[in-house]
Protein backbone atom coordinates (compact mmCIF):
# COMPACT_ATOMS: atom_id res chain seq x y z
CA UNK A 1 -0.05 0.03 0.09
CA UNK A 2 2.89 2.36 1.03
CA UNK A 3 4.02 1.87 -2.77
CA UNK A 4 1.08 2.79 -4.48
CA UNK A 5 0.51 5.92 -1.99
CA UNK A 6 3.91 7.30 -2.84
CA UNK A 7 3.45 7.14 -6.39
CA UNK A 8 0.14 8.82 -6.16
CA UNK A 9 2.02 11.44 -4.13
CA UNK A 10 4.85 11.58 -6.80
CA UNK A 11 2.25 12.27 -9.58
CA UNK A 12 0.21 14.99 -7.48
CA UNK A 13 3.56 16.57 -6.60
CA UNK A 14 4.79 16.54 -10.41
CA UNK A 15 1.05 17.88 -11.32
CA UNK A 16 1.17 21.00 -8.84
CA UNK A 17 5.15 21.69 -10.18
CA UNK A 18 3.79 21.82 -13.53
CA UNK A 19 0.89 24.28 -12.54
CA UNK A 20 3.25 26.25 -10.88
CA UNK A 21 5.54 26.44 -13.79
CA UNK A 22 2.91 27.77 -16.44
CA UNK A 23 3.36 30.92 -18.40
CA UNK A 24 0.96 33.48 -19.92
CA UNK A 25 1.96 32.44 -23.52
CA UNK A 26 2.94 28.78 -23.83
CA UNK A 27 3.40 26.86 -27.16
CA UNK A 28 1.02 24.26 -27.94
CA UNK A 29 2.31 20.69 -29.36
CA UNK A 30 1.57 22.23 -32.72
CA UNK A 31 3.65 25.40 -32.49
CA UNK A 32 6.37 23.26 -30.42
CA UNK A 33 6.33 20.40 -33.26
CA UNK A 34 7.26 23.47 -35.89
CA UNK A 35 10.50 23.99 -34.21
CA UNK A 36 11.41 20.29 -33.00
CA UNK A 37 13.91 20.06 -35.92
CA UNK A 38 15.79 23.05 -35.50
CA UNK A 39 16.10 22.08 -31.94
CA UNK A 40 17.14 18.77 -32.24
CA UNK A 41 19.77 19.91 -34.80
CA UNK A 42 21.24 22.48 -32.43
CA UNK A 43 21.32 19.88 -29.83
CA UNK A 44 23.43 17.59 -32.44
CA UNK A 45 25.75 20.27 -33.00
CA UNK A 46 26.69 20.97 -29.31
CA UNK A 47 24.41 23.99 -29.24
CA UNK A 48 22.23 25.19 -26.32
CA UNK A 49 18.64 25.60 -28.18
CA UNK A 50 17.04 26.64 -24.91
CA UNK A 51 18.86 30.18 -25.25
CA UNK A 52 17.38 30.60 -28.58
CA UNK A 53 13.84 28.58 -28.15
CA UNK A 54 13.33 28.85 -24.59
CA UNK A 55 9.54 28.06 -24.98
CA UNK A 56 10.16 25.36 -26.84
CA UNK A 57 12.34 23.91 -23.82
CA UNK A 58 9.57 24.90 -21.50
CA UNK A 59 6.85 22.86 -23.40
CA UNK A 60 9.63 20.01 -23.73
CA UNK A 61 9.69 19.88 -19.66
CA UNK A 62 5.96 19.84 -19.61
CA UNK A 63 5.21 17.37 -22.49
CA UNK A 64 6.01 14.05 -22.74
CA UNK A 65 4.71 13.28 -26.29
CA UNK A 66 6.80 16.25 -27.73
CA UNK A 67 9.90 14.97 -25.50
CA UNK A 68 9.28 11.47 -27.07
CA UNK A 69 9.10 13.31 -30.93
CA UNK A 70 12.38 14.89 -30.04
CA UNK A 71 14.06 11.77 -28.87
CA UNK A 72 12.56 10.31 -32.49
CA UNK A 73 14.43 13.18 -34.10
CA UNK A 74 17.78 12.79 -32.47
CA UNK A 75 17.87 9.33 -33.21
CA UNK A 76 16.94 10.06 -36.97
CA UNK A 77 19.90 12.72 -37.03
CA UNK A 78 22.36 10.24 -35.23
CA UNK A 79 21.55 7.65 -37.83
CA UNK A 80 22.01 10.15 -40.69
CA UNK A 81 25.57 10.99 -39.37
CA UNK A 82 26.83 7.56 -38.74
CA UNK A 83 25.36 6.97 -42.70
CA UNK A 84 27.60 9.80 -43.57
CA UNK A 85 30.80 8.53 -41.61
C-alpha cells in the first residue's frame, strides 16, 4: 500500500509543479513541433537550443509526447550522421 501511495503522491507533486510553471503564453504541441527539427539539430551540433528557443524547452519539460518526438528526431539525425561517416 505504501508504494501506491508514494506513486500517487509523486504524480500529484509533479502535476502541481507543472501548474506552478505555467506561463502567460506557452507553445502548444503543434507550435512546438514546428521548431523541433531546429531544436534537435542544435542539440546535435552541441549548441544550447534553450537560449534561442526557450519556449520550446519549457514545453518539452511539460509534454512527454513532444519529448518522445524530439528523441525520435535525434535518433534519425544520429543515424544520418553514422551513415555519412
